[in-house]
Amino acid sequence: MTAETLSLAGKFALITGSSKENGIGAAIARSLARNGASVAIHYVSESSKSKAEGVAANITKEFGTKTTVVRGAVEEAGTAKTIVEDTLKGLDTDHIDILVNNAGGGENSALMDITPEQVQFAFGSNVFGTIYMTQAVVDMGKMPKGGRIINVSSIASKLGLEGVAVYSAAKAAQDSLTASFAGELGKSRGITVNTVAPGPVPTDTSKPFLEKPDGSPSEMQVGMQAMTRAAARLGTTVDIADAVLLLVSEKSRWITAQWISLSGGITGTM
């Protein structure tokens, strides 16, 4: 008897916000490629181009899968279409099977310090970007039956943390899109849509929140680690990527419209 696997051979995937070698997006790209998928590595600013190319080159070297690098601001509808066009061209395909909406961000600010620019950035990258990229991949990307869309959120959308209101609200809005899109795309197109919500994961982006200037653990890191149930540690990018691998596989065909906490149990009582 042949053992069943989570093979993604013949699948084409676009992972937004995947240019940082130690980031969640790059880890997801590696996990999908390791299991046979061709992947598009996405970046936004010109300064990230070499990093994105490095991620793609390392994936191809290690796993032998096809990669391409694409650039654009996901929060702009026209640019989202360009990202999809470049993905199709770069991977030499007429469709995209997997979309991971990982690009997104936000700044921590107390209520009275929140600026219009912070609001625009958080909602632009997390909400507008998810809408425009999903539209572009389903339409221009001709996502087929069995397609998978994963929105990368955060447990911050549920915790009501002080000083993280705008980012948390943007992620909560993104969470709402998941359920709505799952309903629209499920019965009509056979596409599943799910949210994964990581807890604290050490990356370049999260470092300012998880570490003090001297490199010691911040109060947030200590508090979050104390709340985990799976193990006495924070999560890793590989923890997140492996969960995404499961959700984009054919084995997860009956999982859709779900908000899945990848936090080691921090949100276990919610």
C-alpha atoms as a PDB file:
ATOM      1  CA  MET A   1       0.000   0.000   0.000  1.00  0.00           C
ATOM      2  CA  THR A   2       1.323   3.437  -0.958  1.00  0.00           C
ATOM      3  CA  ALA A   3       1.288   5.973   1.852  1.00  0.00           C
ATOM      4  CA  GLU A   4      -0.817   9.049   1.221  1.00  0.00           C
ATOM      5  CA  THR A   5       0.952  12.399   1.170  1.00  0.00           C
ATOM      6  CA  LEU A   6       0.195  16.106   1.042  1.00  0.00           C
ATOM      7  CA  SER A   7       1.706  16.386  -2.427  1.00  0.00           C
ATOM      8  CA  LEU A   8       1.189  19.651  -4.300  1.00  0.00           C
ATOM      9  CA  ALA A   9       2.884  18.470  -7.478  1.00  0.00           C
ATOM     10  CA  GLY A  10       1.535  20.367 -10.473  1.00  0.00           C
ATOM     11  CA  LYS A  11       0.064  23.161  -8.336  1.00  0.00           C
ATOM     12  CA  PHE A  12       0.856  26.855  -8.778  1.00  0.00           C
ATOM     13  CA  ALA A  13       0.908  29.134  -5.736  1.00  0.00           C
ATOM     14  CA  LEU A  14       1.198  32.872  -5.106  1.00  0.00           C
ATOM     15  CA  ILE A  15       2.252  33.938  -1.625  1.00  0.00           C
ATOM     16  CA  THR A  16       2.091  37.684  -1.021  1.00  0.00           C
ATOM     17  CA  GLY A  17       4.543  39.297   1.361  1.00  0.00           C
ATOM     18  CA  SER A  18       7.054  36.464   1.068  1.00  0.00           C
ATOM     19  CA  SER A  19      10.370  38.219   0.459  1.00  0.00           C
ATOM     20  CA  LYS A  20      11.849  38.046   3.973  1.00  0.00           C
ATOM     21  CA  GLU A  21      13.953  34.916   4.452  1.00  0.00           C
ATOM     22  CA  ASN A  22      12.958  34.490   8.112  1.00  0.00           C
ATOM     23  CA  GLY A  23       9.355  35.602   7.637  1.00  0.00           C
ATOM     24  CA  ILE A  24       6.095  33.678   7.655  1.00  0.00           C
ATOM     25  CA  GLY A  25       5.486  34.225   3.931  1.00  0.00           C
ATOM     26  CA  ALA A  26       8.837  32.771   2.902  1.00  0.00           C
ATOM     27  CA  ALA A  27       8.335  29.806   5.237  1.00  0.00           C
ATOM     28  CA  ILE A  28       4.966  29.108   3.631  1.00  0.00           C
ATOM     29  CA  ALA A  29       6.509  29.314   0.164  1.00  0.00           C
ATOM     30  CA  ARG A  30       9.201  26.841   1.214  1.00  0.00           C
ATOM     31  CA  SER A  31       6.664  24.431   2.678  1.00  0.00           C
ATOM     32  CA  LEU A  32       4.541  24.432  -0.470  1.00  0.00           C
ATOM     33  CA  ALA A  33       7.582  24.093  -2.740  1.00  0.00           C
ATOM     34  CA  ARG A  34       8.983  21.271  -0.621  1.00  0.00           C
ATOM     35  CA  ASN A  35       5.806  19.379  -1.440  1.00  0.00           C
ATOM     36  CA  GLY A  36       5.967  20.041  -5.160  1.00  0.00           C
ATOM     37  CA  ALA A  37       4.257  23.376  -5.824  1.00  0.00           C
ATOM     38  CA  SER A  38       5.646  26.051  -8.127  1.00  0.00           C
ATOM     39  CA  VAL A  39       5.655  29.313  -6.171  1.00  0.00           C
ATOM     40  CA  ALA A  40       5.646  33.049  -6.818  1.00  0.00           C
ATOM     41  CA  ILE A  41       7.553  35.129  -4.267  1.00  0.00           C
ATOM     42  CA  HIS A  42       6.024  38.576  -3.851  1.00  0.00           C
ATOM     43  CA  TYR A  43       7.592  41.795  -2.617  1.00  0.00           C
ATOM     44  CA  VAL A  44       6.536  45.446  -2.516  1.00  0.00           C
ATOM     45  CA  SER A  45       9.467  47.869  -2.433  1.00  0.00           C
ATOM     46  CA  GLU A  46      12.494  47.916  -4.711  1.00  0.00           C
ATOM     47  CA  SER A  47      14.710  47.567  -1.648  1.00  0.00           C
ATOM     48  CA  SER A  48      13.253  44.085  -1.108  1.00  0.00           C
ATOM     49  CA  LYS A  49      13.920  42.839  -4.633  1.00  0.00           C
ATOM     50  CA  SER A  50      17.244  41.160  -3.874  1.00  0.00           C
ATOM     51  CA  LYS A  51      15.772  39.506  -0.774  1.00  0.00           C
ATOM     52  CA  ALA A  52      12.859  38.124  -2.787  1.00  0.00           C
ATOM     53  CA  GLU A  53      15.211  36.850  -5.459  1.00  0.00           C
ATOM     54  CA  GLY A  54      17.280  35.178  -2.756  1.00  0.00           C
ATOM     55  CA  VAL A  55      14.242  33.413  -1.298  1.00  0.00           C
ATOM     56  CA  ALA A  56      13.229  32.195  -4.761  1.00  0.00           C
ATOM     57  CA  ALA A  57      16.746  31.055  -5.658  1.00  0.00           C
ATOM     58  CA  ASN A  58      17.146  29.132  -2.419  1.00  0.00           C
ATOM     59  CA  ILE A  59      13.812  27.382  -2.919  1.00  0.00           C
ATOM     60  CA  THR A  60      14.674  26.317  -6.458  1.00  0.00           C
ATOM     61  CA  LYS A  61      18.127  25.153  -5.391  1.00  0.00           C
ATOM     62  CA  GLU A  62      16.846  23.127  -2.451  1.00  0.00           C
ATOM     63  CA  PHE A  63      13.641  21.658  -3.850  1.00  0.00           C
ATOM     64  CA  GLY A  64      14.062  21.897  -7.622  1.00  0.00           C
ATOM     65  CA  THR A  65      10.682  23.547  -8.071  1.00  0.00           C
ATOM     66  CA  LYS A  66       9.904  26.440 -10.383  1.00  0.00           C
ATOM     67  CA  THR A  67       9.821  29.906  -8.818  1.00  0.00           C
ATOM     68  CA  THR A  68       9.328  33.462  -9.941  1.00  0.00           C
ATOM     69  CA  VAL A  69       9.500  36.866  -8.276  1.00  0.00           C
ATOM     70  CA  VAL A  70       6.699  39.441  -8.584  1.00  0.00           C
ATOM     71  CA  ARG A  71       6.333  42.974  -7.282  1.00  0.00           C
ATOM     72  CA  GLY A  72       3.452  45.293  -6.482  1.00  0.00           C
ATOM     73  CA  ALA A  73       1.316  47.008  -3.861  1.00  0.00           C
ATOM     74  CA  VAL A  74      -1.548  44.656  -3.030  1.00  0.00           C
ATOM     75  CA  GLU A  75      -3.771  47.486  -1.807  1.00  0.00           C
ATOM     76  CA  GLU A  76      -4.128  48.866  -5.339  1.00  0.00           C
ATOM     77  CA  ALA A  77      -6.598  47.054  -7.580  1.00  0.00           C
ATOM     78  CA  GLY A  78      -4.677  47.668 -10.785  1.00  0.00           C
ATOM     79  CA  THR A  79      -1.400  46.542  -9.287  1.00  0.00           C
ATOM     80  CA  ALA A  80      -3.011  43.396  -7.890  1.00  0.00           C
ATOM     81  CA  LYS A  81      -3.926  42.440 -11.444  1.00  0.00           C
ATOM     82  CA  THR A  82      -0.351  43.072 -12.548  1.00  0.00           C
ATOM     83  CA  ILE A  83       0.939  40.818  -9.763  1.00  0.00           C
ATOM     84  CA  VAL A  84      -1.295  38.021 -11.036  1.00  0.00           C
ATOM     85  CA  GLU A  85      -0.304  38.606 -14.664  1.00  0.00           C
ATOM     86  CA  ASP A  86       3.373  38.477 -13.747  1.00  0.00           C
ATOM     87  CA  THR A  87       2.815  35.306 -11.719  1.00  0.00           C
ATOM     88  CA  LEU A  88       1.149  33.533 -14.635  1.00  0.00           C
ATOM     89  CA  LYS A  89       3.928  34.601 -16.970  1.00  0.00           C
ATOM     90  CA  GLY A  90       6.748  33.818 -14.561  1.00  0.00           C
ATOM     91  CA  LEU A  91       5.466  30.354 -13.688  1.00  0.00           C
ATOM     92  CA  ASP A  92       4.447  29.657 -17.300  1.00  0.00           C
ATOM     93  CA  THR A  93       0.907  28.689 -16.388  1.00  0.00           C
ATOM     94  CA  ASP A  94      -2.629  29.738 -17.277  1.00  0.00           C
ATOM     95  CA  HIS A  95      -3.991  29.504 -13.733  1.00  0.00           C
ATOM     96  CA  ILE A  96      -3.207  29.832 -10.024  1.00  0.00           C
ATOM     97  CA  ASP A  97      -4.293  27.042  -7.666  1.00  0.00           C
ATOM     98  CA  ILE A  98      -3.283  28.560  -4.334  1.00  0.00           C
ATOM     99  CA  LEU A  99      -3.348  32.135  -3.034  1.00  0.00           C
ATOM    100  CA  VAL A 100      -1.905  33.002   0.359  1.00  0.00           C
ATOM    101  CA  ASN A 101      -2.787  36.565   1.371  1.00  0.00           C
ATOM    102  CA  ASN A 102       0.120  37.109   3.735  1.00  0.00           C
ATOM    103  CA  ALA A 103       1.065  40.707   2.916  1.00  0.00           C
ATOM    104  CA  GLY A 104      -0.115  43.048   5.653  1.00  0.00           C
ATOM    105  CA  GLY A 105       1.031  45.083   8.564  1.00  0.00           C
ATOM    106  CA  GLY A 106       0.339  47.805  11.066  1.00  0.00           C
ATOM    107  CA  GLU A 107       1.908  49.935  13.752  1.00  0.00           C
ATOM    108  CA  ASN A 108       1.292  49.954  17.485  1.00  0.00           C
ATOM    109  CA  SER A 109      -0.118  53.240  18.783  1.00  0.00           C
ATOM    110  CA  ALA A 110      -2.187  54.424  21.700  1.00  0.00           C
ATOM    111  CA  LEU A 111      -5.623  55.741  20.732  1.00  0.00           C
ATOM    112  CA  MET A 112      -4.712  59.425  20.762  1.00  0.00           C
ATOM    113  CA  ASP A 113      -1.525  58.811  18.775  1.00  0.00           C
ATOM    114  CA  ILE A 114      -3.164  57.005  15.850  1.00  0.00           C
ATOM    115  CA  THR A 115      -2.606  58.817  12.551  1.00  0.00           C
ATOM    116  CA  PRO A 116      -4.587  58.698   9.293  1.00  0.00           C
ATOM    117  CA  GLU A 117      -1.521  57.199   7.622  1.00  0.00           C
ATOM    118  CA  GLN A 118      -1.462  54.309  10.090  1.00  0.00           C
ATOM    119  CA  VAL A 119      -5.143  53.610   9.492  1.00  0.00           C
ATOM    120  CA  GLN A 120      -4.698  53.720   5.721  1.00  0.00           C
ATOM    121  CA  PHE A 121      -1.696  51.398   5.802  1.00  0.00           C
ATOM    122  CA  ALA A 122      -3.279  48.809   8.092  1.00  0.00           C
ATOM    123  CA  PHE A 123      -6.592  48.631   6.256  1.00  0.00           C
ATOM    124  CA  GLY A 124      -4.965  49.012   2.850  1.00  0.00           C
ATOM    125  CA  SER A 125      -2.567  46.112   3.200  1.00  0.00           C
ATOM    126  CA  ASN A 126      -4.776  43.783   5.247  1.00  0.00           C
ATOM    127  CA  VAL A 127      -8.281  44.462   3.931  1.00  0.00           C
ATOM    128  CA  PHE A 128      -8.072  46.126   0.521  1.00  0.00           C
ATOM    129  CA  GLY A 129      -5.169  43.867  -0.401  1.00  0.00           C
ATOM    130  CA  THR A 130      -7.093  40.722   0.487  1.00  0.00           C
ATOM    131  CA  ILE A 131     -10.063  41.878  -1.584  1.00  0.00           C
ATOM    132  CA  TYR A 132      -8.095  42.929  -4.655  1.00  0.00           C
ATOM    133  CA  MET A 133      -5.735  39.949  -4.694  1.00  0.00           C
ATOM    134  CA  THR A 134      -8.613  37.505  -4.293  1.00  0.00           C
ATOM    135  CA  GLN A 135     -10.546  39.169  -7.104  1.00  0.00           C
ATOM    136  CA  ALA A 136      -7.532  39.103  -9.396  1.00  0.00           C
ATOM    137  CA  VAL A 137      -6.576  35.487  -8.709  1.00  0.00           C
ATOM    138  CA  VAL A 138     -10.117  34.142  -9.052  1.00  0.00           C
ATOM    139  CA  ASP A 139     -10.759  36.126 -12.247  1.00  0.00           C
ATOM    140  CA  MET A 140      -7.527  36.700 -14.166  1.00  0.00           C
ATOM    141  CA  GLY A 141      -5.754  33.881 -12.373  1.00  0.00           C
ATOM    142  CA  LYS A 142      -8.535  31.483 -13.334  1.00  0.00           C
ATOM    143  CA  MET A 143      -8.402  29.673 -10.009  1.00  0.00           C
ATOM    144  CA  PRO A 144      -9.873  26.235 -10.740  1.00  0.00           C
ATOM    145  CA  LYS A 145     -12.191  23.988  -8.783  1.00  0.00           C
ATOM    146  CA  GLY A 146     -10.240  22.746  -5.783  1.00  0.00           C
ATOM    147  CA  GLY A 147      -8.489  26.096  -5.444  1.00  0.00           C
ATOM    148  CA  ARG A 148      -7.322  27.247  -2.031  1.00  0.00           C
ATOM    149  CA  ILE A 149      -7.243  30.739  -0.533  1.00  0.00           C
ATOM    150  CA  ILE A 150      -5.562  31.307   2.825  1.00  0.00           C
ATOM    151  CA  ASN A 151      -5.779  34.660   4.601  1.00  0.00           C
ATOM    152  CA  VAL A 152      -3.040  35.168   7.173  1.00  0.00           C
ATOM    153  CA  SER A 153      -4.538  37.076  10.097  1.00  0.00           C
ATOM    154  CA  SER A 154      -3.446  37.289  13.736  1.00  0.00           C
ATOM    155  CA  ILE A 155      -4.807  36.341  17.135  1.00  0.00           C
ATOM    156  CA  ALA A 156      -4.679  40.093  17.772  1.00  0.00           C
ATOM    157  CA  SER A 157      -8.021  40.304  15.963  1.00  0.00           C
ATOM    158  CA  LYS A 158      -9.648  38.516  18.915  1.00  0.00           C
ATOM    159  CA  LEU A 159      -7.638  39.641  21.944  1.00  0.00           C
ATOM    160  CA  GLY A 160      -8.391  43.365  22.181  1.00  0.00           C
ATOM    161  CA  LEU A 161      -4.798  44.247  23.039  1.00  0.00           C
ATOM    162  CA  GLU A 162      -4.131  47.805  24.146  1.00  0.00           C
ATOM    163  CA  GLY A 163      -2.174  49.910  21.701  1.00  0.00           C
ATOM    164  CA  VAL A 164      -2.874  47.591  18.773  1.00  0.00           C
ATOM    165  CA  ALA A 165      -6.384  48.791  17.946  1.00  0.00           C
ATOM    166  CA  VAL A 166      -5.950  49.682  14.285  1.00  0.00           C
ATOM    167  CA  TYR A 167      -3.993  46.562  13.344  1.00  0.00           C
ATOM    168  CA  SER A 168      -6.406  44.366  15.308  1.00  0.00           C
ATOM    169  CA  ALA A 169      -9.416  45.995  13.661  1.00  0.00           C
ATOM    170  CA  ALA A 170      -7.926  45.540  10.201  1.00  0.00           C
ATOM    171  CA  LYS A 171      -7.269  41.871  10.890  1.00  0.00           C
ATOM    172  CA  ALA A 172     -10.810  41.450  12.246  1.00  0.00           C
ATOM    173  CA  ALA A 173     -12.145  42.917   9.013  1.00  0.00           C
ATOM    174  CA  GLN A 174      -9.977  40.501   7.056  1.00  0.00           C
ATOM    175  CA  ASP A 175     -11.392  37.642   9.148  1.00  0.00           C
ATOM    176  CA  SER A 176     -14.888  38.674   8.106  1.00  0.00           C
ATOM    177  CA  LEU A 177     -13.901  38.550   4.443  1.00  0.00           C
ATOM    178  CA  THR A 178     -12.903  34.910   4.831  1.00  0.00           C
ATOM    179  CA  ALA A 179     -16.392  33.741   5.774  1.00  0.00           C
ATOM    180  CA  SER A 180     -18.060  35.841   3.081  1.00  0.00           C
ATOM    181  CA  PHE A 181     -15.675  34.768   0.329  1.00  0.00           C
ATOM    182  CA  ALA A 182     -15.970  31.115   1.361  1.00  0.00           C
ATOM    183  CA  GLY A 183     -19.715  31.288   0.839  1.00  0.00           C
ATOM    184  CA  GLU A 184     -19.434  32.971  -2.535  1.00  0.00           C
ATOM    185  CA  LEU A 185     -16.654  30.802  -3.916  1.00  0.00           C
ATOM    186  CA  GLY A 186     -17.531  27.425  -2.419  1.00  0.00           C
ATOM    187  CA  LYS A 187     -20.672  26.107  -4.072  1.00  0.00           C
ATOM    188  CA  SER A 188     -20.220  28.195  -7.209  1.00  0.00           C
ATOM    189  CA  ARG A 189     -16.541  27.471  -7.903  1.00  0.00           C
ATOM    190  CA  GLY A 190     -15.371  24.729  -5.543  1.00  0.00           C
ATOM    191  CA  ILE A 191     -12.800  26.993  -3.868  1.00  0.00           C
ATOM    192  CA  THR A 192     -12.152  26.932  -0.117  1.00  0.00           C
ATOM    193  CA  VAL A 193     -11.215  30.029   1.880  1.00  0.00           C
ATOM    194  CA  ASN A 194      -9.767  29.909   5.387  1.00  0.00           C
ATOM    195  CA  THR A 195      -7.991  32.150   7.870  1.00  0.00           C
ATOM    196  CA  VAL A 196      -4.925  31.163   9.840  1.00  0.00           C
ATOM    197  CA  ALA A 197      -4.224  33.393  12.829  1.00  0.00           C
ATOM    198  CA  PRO A 198      -0.666  33.098  14.145  1.00  0.00           C
ATOM    199  CA  GLY A 199       0.221  33.957  17.695  1.00  0.00           C
ATOM    200  CA  PRO A 200       3.574  35.610  18.425  1.00  0.00           C
ATOM    201  CA  VAL A 201       6.283  34.347  16.087  1.00  0.00           C
ATOM    202  CA  PRO A 202       9.831  35.768  16.189  1.00  0.00           C
ATOM    203  CA  THR A 203      10.589  37.459  12.851  1.00  0.00           C
ATOM    204  CA  ASP A 204      12.210  40.712  11.772  1.00  0.00           C
ATOM    205  CA  THR A 205       8.754  42.310  11.782  1.00  0.00           C
ATOM    206  CA  SER A 206       7.755  41.154  15.261  1.00  0.00           C
ATOM    207  CA  LYS A 207      11.147  41.654  16.904  1.00  0.00           C
ATOM    208  CA  PRO A 208      10.411  45.222  18.118  1.00  0.00           C
ATOM    209  CA  PHE A 209       7.384  43.904  20.024  1.00  0.00           C
ATOM    210  CA  LEU A 210       8.895  40.703  21.374  1.00  0.00           C
ATOM    211  CA  GLU A 211      12.275  42.040  22.453  1.00  0.00           C
ATOM    212  CA  LYS A 212      13.534  44.982  24.461  1.00  0.00           C
ATOM    213  CA  PRO A 213      16.311  47.149  22.981  1.00  0.00           C
ATOM    214  CA  ASP A 214      18.871  45.090  24.904  1.00  0.00           C
ATOM    215  CA  GLY A 215      17.598  41.870  23.311  1.00  0.00           C
ATOM    216  CA  SER A 216      15.882  40.517  26.406  1.00  0.00           C
ATOM    217  CA  PRO A 217      12.259  39.288  26.201  1.00  0.00           C
ATOM    218  CA  SER A 218       9.607  42.005  26.313  1.00  0.00           C
ATOM    219  CA  GLU A 219       6.639  41.858  28.670  1.00  0.00           C
ATOM    220  CA  MET A 220       4.508  40.865  25.683  1.00  0.00           C
ATOM    221  CA  GLN A 221       6.754  37.904  24.882  1.00  0.00           C
ATOM    222  CA  VAL A 222       6.851  36.724  28.480  1.00  0.00           C
ATOM    223  CA  GLY A 223       3.090  37.065  28.838  1.00  0.00           C
ATOM    224  CA  MET A 224       2.251  35.333  25.565  1.00  0.00           C
ATOM    225  CA  GLN A 225       4.660  32.476  26.170  1.00  0.00           C
ATOM    226  CA  ALA A 226       3.121  31.895  29.584  1.00  0.00           C
ATOM    227  CA  MET A 227      -0.283  31.515  27.894  1.00  0.00           C
ATOM    228  CA  THR A 228       0.762  28.821  25.422  1.00  0.00           C
ATOM    229  CA  ARG A 229      -0.444  25.292  26.045  1.00  0.00           C
ATOM    230  CA  ALA A 230       1.389  23.245  23.409  1.00  0.00           C
ATOM    231  CA  ALA A 231       4.918  23.885  24.712  1.00  0.00           C
ATOM    232  CA  ALA A 232       6.938  26.376  26.723  1.00  0.00           C
ATOM    233  CA  ARG A 233       7.962  28.436  23.712  1.00  0.00           C
ATOM    234  CA  LEU A 234       6.717  30.837  21.075  1.00  0.00           C
ATOM    235  CA  GLY A 235       5.640  29.651  17.666  1.00  0.00           C
ATOM    236  CA  THR A 236       7.966  29.416  14.686  1.00  0.00           C
ATOM    237  CA  THR A 237       7.479  30.265  11.036  1.00  0.00           C
ATOM    238  CA  VAL A 238       7.648  26.537  10.265  1.00  0.00           C
ATOM    239  CA  ASP A 239       4.761  25.896  12.680  1.00  0.00           C
ATOM    240  CA  ILE A 240       2.649  28.323  10.671  1.00  0.00           C
ATOM    241  CA  ALA A 241       3.805  27.071   7.277  1.00  0.00           C
ATOM    242  CA  ASP A 242       3.068  23.431   8.042  1.00  0.00           C
ATOM    243  CA  ALA A 243      -0.487  24.290   9.079  1.00  0.00           C
ATOM    244  CA  VAL A 244      -0.984  26.170   5.820  1.00  0.00           C
ATOM    245  CA  LEU A 245       0.353  23.157   3.922  1.00  0.00           C
ATOM    246  CA  LEU A 246      -2.394  21.027   5.437  1.00  0.00           C
ATOM    247  CA  LEU A 247      -5.101  23.553   4.559  1.00  0.00           C
ATOM    248  CA  VAL A 248      -4.083  23.901   0.910  1.00  0.00           C
ATOM    249  CA  SER A 249      -3.912  20.151   0.365  1.00  0.00           C
ATOM    250  CA  GLU A 250      -6.703  18.111  -1.184  1.00  0.00           C
ATOM    251  CA  LYS A 251      -7.222  16.486   2.215  1.00  0.00           C
ATOM    252  CA  SER A 252      -8.709  19.755   3.503  1.00  0.00           C
ATOM    253  CA  ARG A 253     -11.471  19.906   0.895  1.00  0.00           C
ATOM    254  CA  TRP A 254     -14.187  19.998   3.611  1.00  0.00           C
ATOM    255  CA  ILE A 255     -12.587  22.793   5.621  1.00  0.00           C
ATOM    256  CA  THR A 256     -13.707  26.287   4.663  1.00  0.00           C
ATOM    257  CA  ALA A 257     -14.810  29.588   6.253  1.00  0.00           C
ATOM    258  CA  GLN A 258     -12.711  28.764   9.319  1.00  0.00           C
ATOM    259  CA  TRP A 259     -10.621  30.975  11.634  1.00  0.00           C
ATOM    260  CA  ILE A 260      -7.816  28.731  12.834  1.00  0.00           C
ATOM    261  CA  SER A 261      -5.601  29.892  15.680  1.00  0.00           C
ATOM    262  CA  LEU A 262      -1.953  28.904  15.262  1.00  0.00           C
ATOM    263  CA  SER A 263      -0.835  30.047  18.676  1.00  0.00           C
ATOM    264  CA  GLY A 264       0.023  26.943  20.647  1.00  0.00           C
ATOM    265  CA  GLY A 265      -3.282  27.297  22.462  1.00  0.00           C
ATOM    266  CA  ILE A 266      -3.173  30.951  23.535  1.00  0.00           C
ATOM    267  CA  THR A 267      -6.742  31.392  22.289  1.00  0.00           C
ATOM    268  CA  GLY A 268      -7.832  27.976  23.564  1.00  0.00           C
ATOM    269  CA  THR A 269     -10.529  29.289  25.905  1.00  0.00           C
ATOM    270  CA  MET A 270     -12.126  31.642  23.387  1.00  0.00           C
END
